Amino acid sequence: MKQDIRFGPAGRPVGYKGKTTQVCDYIKKIGLDAFEYQATYGVRISKQSALELGENAAKNDILVSMHGPYYINLCSQKEDTIKKSVERLVQSAKAGEWMNSYRTVFHMGFYTKYSPEEAMKKCKDAISELLENIETLGIKNYTFAPETTGKKSQFGSLDELVEICRSFNNFTPTVDFAHIHARSGGIIKTKKDYAKIFDKIENELGLKSLHCHFTKIEYTDAGEKKHHILDDSNFGPPLTPLLELISENGFNVTLICETPYLDIDALEMKKEYSSILRE
């Protein structure tokens, strides 16, 4: 079976000035095939607009994912914050169903004063509540995709997300390679380093598909600091070993570009991948 490898921007393309509902016309035209809708400051899209975006994506064979609001913390010490976080995820899933999003990406929260073990329990309790609400509302077409996080103060190491996704149906990880690189002090350098991540996903979750993010990233001892463009050789992780591995390992991969040059660098990623395939 042929691999399905897709590339696209995280949010409105740099070169696009039109309506979000028609953005997939542009994405298709420039040669990309994925789009991550950004609801990072709140789910504000109407049902009609979400349906139109979904229709536009289907017409152009663009795979849509959604990034939920930043204001989510499922392991907060404040119960009201957890309640509001669950509500925002329900809103994200509902809008995602309208636009036929195949993933709802989100950051799970911060440890604050909790130990990682305590934070894990709080997150699992919140997810149980979330799924009860989803079922009550009759939302059927959803897959939550918690993202690996870039700061050491955040819940969201790869190990933690594997445990979450192993514990709940309709959960699968979003692997942000830059975030893993940043929170580990620059661990990703070679194809073998990437392979360890893919192997973990396959061995522990039984998956051969991956939704992921990529950017060059600057970090400090605390983790993630700033995203950089693809051409910035001062920062990692390296792109080429990742693309080489994707071409070899049989995974279906959607690679969302999060550099400041969203669509421009996404296209460069796809061009380099195509070049690797021709070698």
Protein backbone atom coordinates (compact mmCIF):
# COMPACT_ATOMS: atom_id res chain seq x y z
CA MET A 1 0.00 0.00 0.00
CA LYS A 2 1.30 3.43 -0.96
CA GLN A 3 2.18 5.80 1.87
CA ASP A 4 0.08 8.92 2.35
CA ILE A 5 2.51 11.77 3.11
CA ARG A 6 1.07 15.27 3.35
CA PHE A 7 2.51 18.72 4.03
CA GLY A 8 0.75 21.92 5.03
CA PRO A 9 0.76 25.10 7.13
CA ALA A 10 -0.31 25.65 10.72
CA GLY A 11 -2.83 28.41 10.11
CA ARG A 12 -3.44 31.01 7.43
CA PRO A 13 -0.73 30.83 4.76
CA VAL A 14 1.63 33.80 4.58
CA GLY A 15 0.78 34.31 0.92
CA TYR A 16 -3.02 34.11 1.28
CA LYS A 17 -5.32 37.12 1.71
CA GLY A 18 -8.77 35.62 1.10
CA LYS A 19 -11.45 34.02 3.26
CA THR A 20 -10.48 31.14 5.54
CA THR A 21 -13.41 29.14 4.16
CA GLN A 22 -11.72 29.14 0.72
CA VAL A 23 -8.11 28.70 1.88
CA CYS A 24 -7.83 25.16 0.55
CA ASP A 25 -8.12 26.46 -3.03
CA TYR A 26 -4.87 28.33 -2.41
CA ILE A 27 -3.20 25.46 -0.56
CA LYS A 28 -3.96 23.10 -3.44
CA LYS A 29 -2.82 25.65 -6.03
CA ILE A 30 0.65 26.05 -4.52
CA GLY A 31 1.11 22.28 -4.23
CA LEU A 32 0.37 21.46 -0.58
CA ASP A 33 -2.15 18.94 0.72
CA ALA A 34 -2.83 19.59 4.43
CA PHE A 35 -4.07 22.48 6.58
CA GLU A 36 -4.21 22.95 10.35
CA TYR A 37 -6.95 25.39 11.28
CA GLN A 38 -5.90 27.50 14.26
CA ALA A 39 -8.48 28.08 16.99
CA THR A 40 -5.68 28.97 19.36
CA TYR A 41 -7.41 32.03 20.86
CA GLY A 42 -10.87 30.49 21.02
CA VAL A 43 -13.26 28.52 18.83
CA ARG A 44 -14.88 31.44 17.01
CA ILE A 45 -15.75 29.88 13.67
CA SER A 46 -19.48 29.57 12.93
CA LYS A 47 -21.09 26.30 11.94
CA GLN A 48 -21.75 27.61 8.42
CA SER A 49 -18.15 28.74 7.94
CA ALA A 50 -16.81 25.44 9.32
CA LEU A 51 -19.04 23.49 6.92
CA GLU A 52 -17.84 25.65 4.01
CA LEU A 53 -14.20 25.07 4.98
CA GLY A 54 -14.83 21.32 5.13
CA GLU A 55 -16.44 21.39 1.67
CA ASN A 56 -13.56 23.44 0.27
CA ALA A 57 -11.04 20.99 1.75
CA ALA A 58 -12.88 17.97 0.33
CA LYS A 59 -13.05 19.55 -3.12
CA ASN A 60 -9.29 20.04 -3.11
CA ASP A 61 -8.31 16.82 -1.30
CA ILE A 62 -6.77 18.80 1.58
CA LEU A 63 -6.53 16.99 4.92
CA VAL A 64 -7.75 19.31 7.69
CA SER A 65 -6.75 19.25 11.34
CA MET A 66 -7.68 21.73 14.06
CA HIS A 67 -5.51 23.22 16.78
CA GLY A 68 -7.62 23.91 19.85
CA PRO A 69 -7.31 26.96 22.13
CA TYR A 70 -4.10 27.67 24.02
CA TYR A 71 -6.12 28.33 27.18
CA ILE A 72 -6.38 24.69 28.20
CA ASN A 73 -5.00 23.15 31.37
CA LEU A 74 -6.40 19.75 32.26
CA CYS A 75 -4.13 19.45 35.30
CA SER A 76 -4.81 22.86 36.83
CA GLN A 77 -5.13 23.23 40.57
CA LYS A 78 -8.32 25.21 39.93
CA GLU A 79 -11.38 23.11 39.19
CA ASP A 80 -12.98 26.01 37.31
CA THR A 81 -9.99 26.11 34.93
CA ILE A 82 -10.35 22.39 34.25
CA LYS A 83 -14.09 22.81 33.64
CA LYS A 84 -13.49 25.64 31.15
CA SER A 85 -10.72 23.63 29.48
CA VAL A 86 -13.09 20.70 28.99
CA GLU A 87 -15.69 23.09 27.53
CA ARG A 88 -13.14 24.47 25.06
CA LEU A 89 -12.23 20.97 23.94
CA VAL A 90 -15.90 20.11 23.46
CA GLN A 91 -16.27 23.27 21.34
CA SER A 92 -13.17 22.27 19.35
CA ALA A 93 -14.51 18.77 18.70
CA LYS A 94 -17.87 20.15 17.62
CA ALA A 95 -16.31 22.64 15.18
CA GLY A 96 -13.88 19.96 14.02
CA GLU A 97 -16.77 17.66 13.18
CA TRP A 98 -18.40 20.41 11.11
CA MET A 99 -15.23 21.00 9.08
CA ASN A 100 -14.41 17.27 8.93
CA SER A 101 -11.14 17.72 10.80
CA TYR A 102 -9.31 14.43 11.21
CA ARG A 103 -7.43 15.57 14.35
CA THR A 104 -8.11 18.01 17.19
CA VAL A 105 -4.68 19.06 18.44
CA PHE A 106 -4.21 20.64 21.87
CA HIS A 107 -1.72 21.26 24.68
CA MET A 108 -2.71 19.47 27.87
CA GLY A 109 -1.47 21.93 30.48
CA PHE A 110 1.16 22.73 33.13
CA TYR A 111 2.35 20.73 36.12
CA THR A 112 2.22 23.81 38.41
CA LYS A 113 2.69 22.36 41.93
CA TYR A 114 1.76 18.82 40.97
CA SER A 115 4.22 16.01 40.49
CA PRO A 116 4.10 14.40 37.02
CA GLU A 117 2.18 11.49 38.54
CA GLU A 118 -0.38 13.78 40.17
CA ALA A 119 -0.73 15.77 36.93
CA MET A 120 -1.33 12.54 35.02
CA LYS A 121 -4.20 11.60 37.34
CA LYS A 122 -5.77 15.07 37.02
CA CYS A 123 -5.53 14.87 33.23
CA LYS A 124 -7.09 11.42 33.08
CA ASP A 125 -9.98 12.51 35.32
CA ALA A 126 -10.57 15.56 33.09
CA ILE A 127 -10.47 13.45 29.91
CA SER A 128 -13.04 11.06 31.36
CA GLU A 129 -15.33 14.05 31.95
CA LEU A 130 -14.57 15.35 28.45
CA LEU A 131 -15.55 12.08 26.79
CA GLU A 132 -18.76 11.87 28.81
CA ASN A 133 -19.71 15.35 27.54
CA ILE A 134 -18.80 14.42 23.96
CA GLU A 135 -21.03 11.35 24.14
CA THR A 136 -23.91 13.30 25.69
CA LEU A 137 -23.79 15.85 22.87
CA GLY A 138 -23.73 13.13 20.21
CA ILE A 139 -20.41 14.17 18.66
CA LYS A 140 -19.20 11.14 16.71
CA ASN A 141 -16.50 12.25 14.26
CA TYR A 142 -13.53 13.26 16.41
CA THR A 143 -10.01 12.25 17.34
CA PHE A 144 -8.23 14.21 20.05
CA ALA A 145 -4.50 14.57 19.40
CA PRO A 146 -2.62 15.93 22.45
CA GLU A 147 0.67 17.51 21.42
CA THR A 148 4.15 16.99 22.82
CA THR A 149 5.08 20.23 24.59
CA GLY A 150 8.28 22.27 24.45
CA LYS A 151 8.67 23.58 28.00
CA LYS A 152 9.76 21.43 30.92
CA SER A 153 7.02 23.02 33.04
CA GLN A 154 4.33 21.61 30.70
CA PHE A 155 2.62 18.26 30.88
CA GLY A 156 3.26 16.58 27.53
CA SER A 157 6.42 14.54 27.23
CA LEU A 158 6.23 11.77 24.64
CA ASP A 159 6.02 9.15 27.41
CA GLU A 160 3.12 11.00 29.04
CA LEU A 161 1.19 11.30 25.78
CA VAL A 162 1.71 7.63 24.98
CA GLU A 163 0.19 6.78 28.36
CA ILE A 164 -2.78 9.11 27.75
CA CYS A 165 -3.43 7.74 24.26
CA ARG A 166 -3.10 4.18 25.49
CA SER A 167 -5.74 4.87 28.13
CA PHE A 168 -8.52 6.40 26.03
CA ASN A 169 -10.33 5.69 22.78
CA ASN A 170 -10.24 8.37 20.08
CA PHE A 171 -6.91 9.70 21.34
CA THR A 172 -3.69 9.67 19.29
CA PRO A 173 -0.56 11.80 19.79
CA THR A 174 0.59 14.83 17.85
CA VAL A 175 4.38 14.66 17.77
CA ASP A 176 5.99 18.09 17.62
CA PHE A 177 9.61 17.24 16.90
CA ALA A 178 10.82 20.75 17.75
CA HIS A 179 9.13 20.56 21.15
CA ILE A 180 10.74 17.20 21.93
CA HIS A 181 14.08 18.66 20.82
CA ALA A 182 13.66 21.77 23.00
CA ARG A 183 12.47 20.17 26.23
CA SER A 184 15.25 17.56 26.04
CA GLY A 185 18.07 20.06 25.47
CA GLY A 186 18.61 19.27 21.78
CA ILE A 187 18.34 15.48 21.68
CA ILE A 188 17.37 15.10 18.01
CA LYS A 189 20.42 15.04 15.74
CA THR A 190 20.25 11.95 13.51
CA LYS A 191 17.87 9.62 11.70
CA LYS A 192 18.32 7.17 14.58
CA ASP A 193 17.01 9.79 17.03
CA TYR A 194 13.88 10.22 14.95
CA ALA A 195 13.53 6.45 14.56
CA LYS A 196 13.30 6.04 18.35
CA ILE A 197 10.21 8.28 18.34
CA PHE A 198 8.53 6.42 15.48
CA ASP A 199 9.38 3.06 17.05
CA LYS A 200 7.83 4.10 20.34
CA ILE A 201 4.61 5.17 18.60
CA GLU A 202 4.44 1.90 16.70
CA ASN A 203 5.48 -0.44 19.51
CA GLU A 204 3.44 1.08 22.33
CA LEU A 205 0.36 2.32 20.48
CA GLY A 206 0.32 0.02 17.46
CA LEU A 207 0.18 2.96 15.07
CA LYS A 208 1.66 3.32 11.58
CA SER A 209 0.40 6.86 11.06
CA LEU A 210 1.51 10.11 12.63
CA HIS A 211 0.25 13.69 12.79
CA CYS A 212 3.24 15.89 13.50
CA HIS A 213 4.61 19.44 13.60
CA PHE A 214 7.99 20.73 12.50
CA THR A 215 9.96 23.95 12.88
CA LYS A 216 13.50 24.98 13.72
CA ILE A 217 13.51 25.99 17.38
CA GLU A 218 15.52 28.03 19.85
CA TYR A 219 15.52 26.82 23.44
CA THR A 220 16.92 27.52 26.91
CA ASP A 221 17.38 25.36 30.00
CA ALA A 222 13.63 25.73 30.55
CA GLY A 223 12.80 24.46 27.08
CA GLU A 224 11.15 26.12 24.07
CA LYS A 225 11.91 29.81 23.44
CA LYS A 226 11.24 30.74 19.79
CA HIS A 227 10.38 29.21 16.39
CA HIS A 228 12.74 29.91 13.48
CA ILE A 229 12.54 29.53 9.71
CA LEU A 230 13.65 26.37 7.96
CA ASP A 231 16.80 27.91 6.48
CA ASP A 232 18.17 28.99 9.87
CA SER A 233 21.09 26.60 10.32
CA ASN A 234 21.77 27.93 13.82
CA PHE A 235 18.92 25.87 15.22
CA GLY A 236 17.64 22.29 15.10
CA PRO A 237 16.27 19.78 14.82
CA PRO A 238 17.54 18.78 11.35
CA LEU A 239 14.88 18.21 8.70
CA THR A 240 16.65 15.91 6.21
CA PRO A 241 17.05 12.86 8.50
CA LEU A 242 13.34 13.06 9.34
CA LEU A 243 12.29 13.15 5.69
CA GLU A 244 14.67 10.29 4.86
CA LEU A 245 13.16 8.18 7.64
CA ILE A 246 9.60 8.97 6.53
CA SER A 247 10.48 7.83 3.02
CA GLU A 248 11.72 4.50 4.41
CA ASN A 249 9.54 3.48 7.34
CA GLY A 250 6.08 2.95 5.83
CA PHE A 251 4.27 5.38 8.12
CA ASN A 252 1.48 7.63 6.85
CA VAL A 253 2.62 11.10 7.96
CA THR A 254 1.00 14.53 7.97
CA LEU A 255 3.73 17.11 8.56
CA ILE A 256 2.44 20.54 9.59
CA CYS A 257 4.88 23.46 9.27
CA GLU A 258 5.08 25.81 12.26
CA THR A 259 7.95 28.02 11.17
CA PRO A 260 7.22 31.76 10.67
CA TYR A 261 7.12 31.01 6.91
CA LEU A 262 4.15 28.65 7.24
CA ASP A 263 3.24 27.78 3.65
CA ILE A 264 6.60 28.78 2.16
CA ASP A 265 8.56 26.38 4.37
CA ALA A 266 5.88 23.68 4.12
CA LEU A 267 6.43 23.75 0.36
CA GLU A 268 10.21 23.55 0.87
CA MET A 269 9.69 20.49 3.08
CA LYS A 270 7.60 18.83 0.39
CA LYS A 271 10.13 19.69 -2.32
CA GLU A 272 12.97 18.18 -0.30
CA TYR A 273 10.91 15.07 0.39
CA SER A 274 10.19 14.68 -3.34
CA SER A 275 13.90 15.06 -4.06
CA ILE A 276 14.72 12.29 -1.55
CA LEU A 277 12.20 9.99 -3.25
CA ARG A 278 13.92 10.54 -6.61
CA GLU A 279 17.37 9.61 -5.29
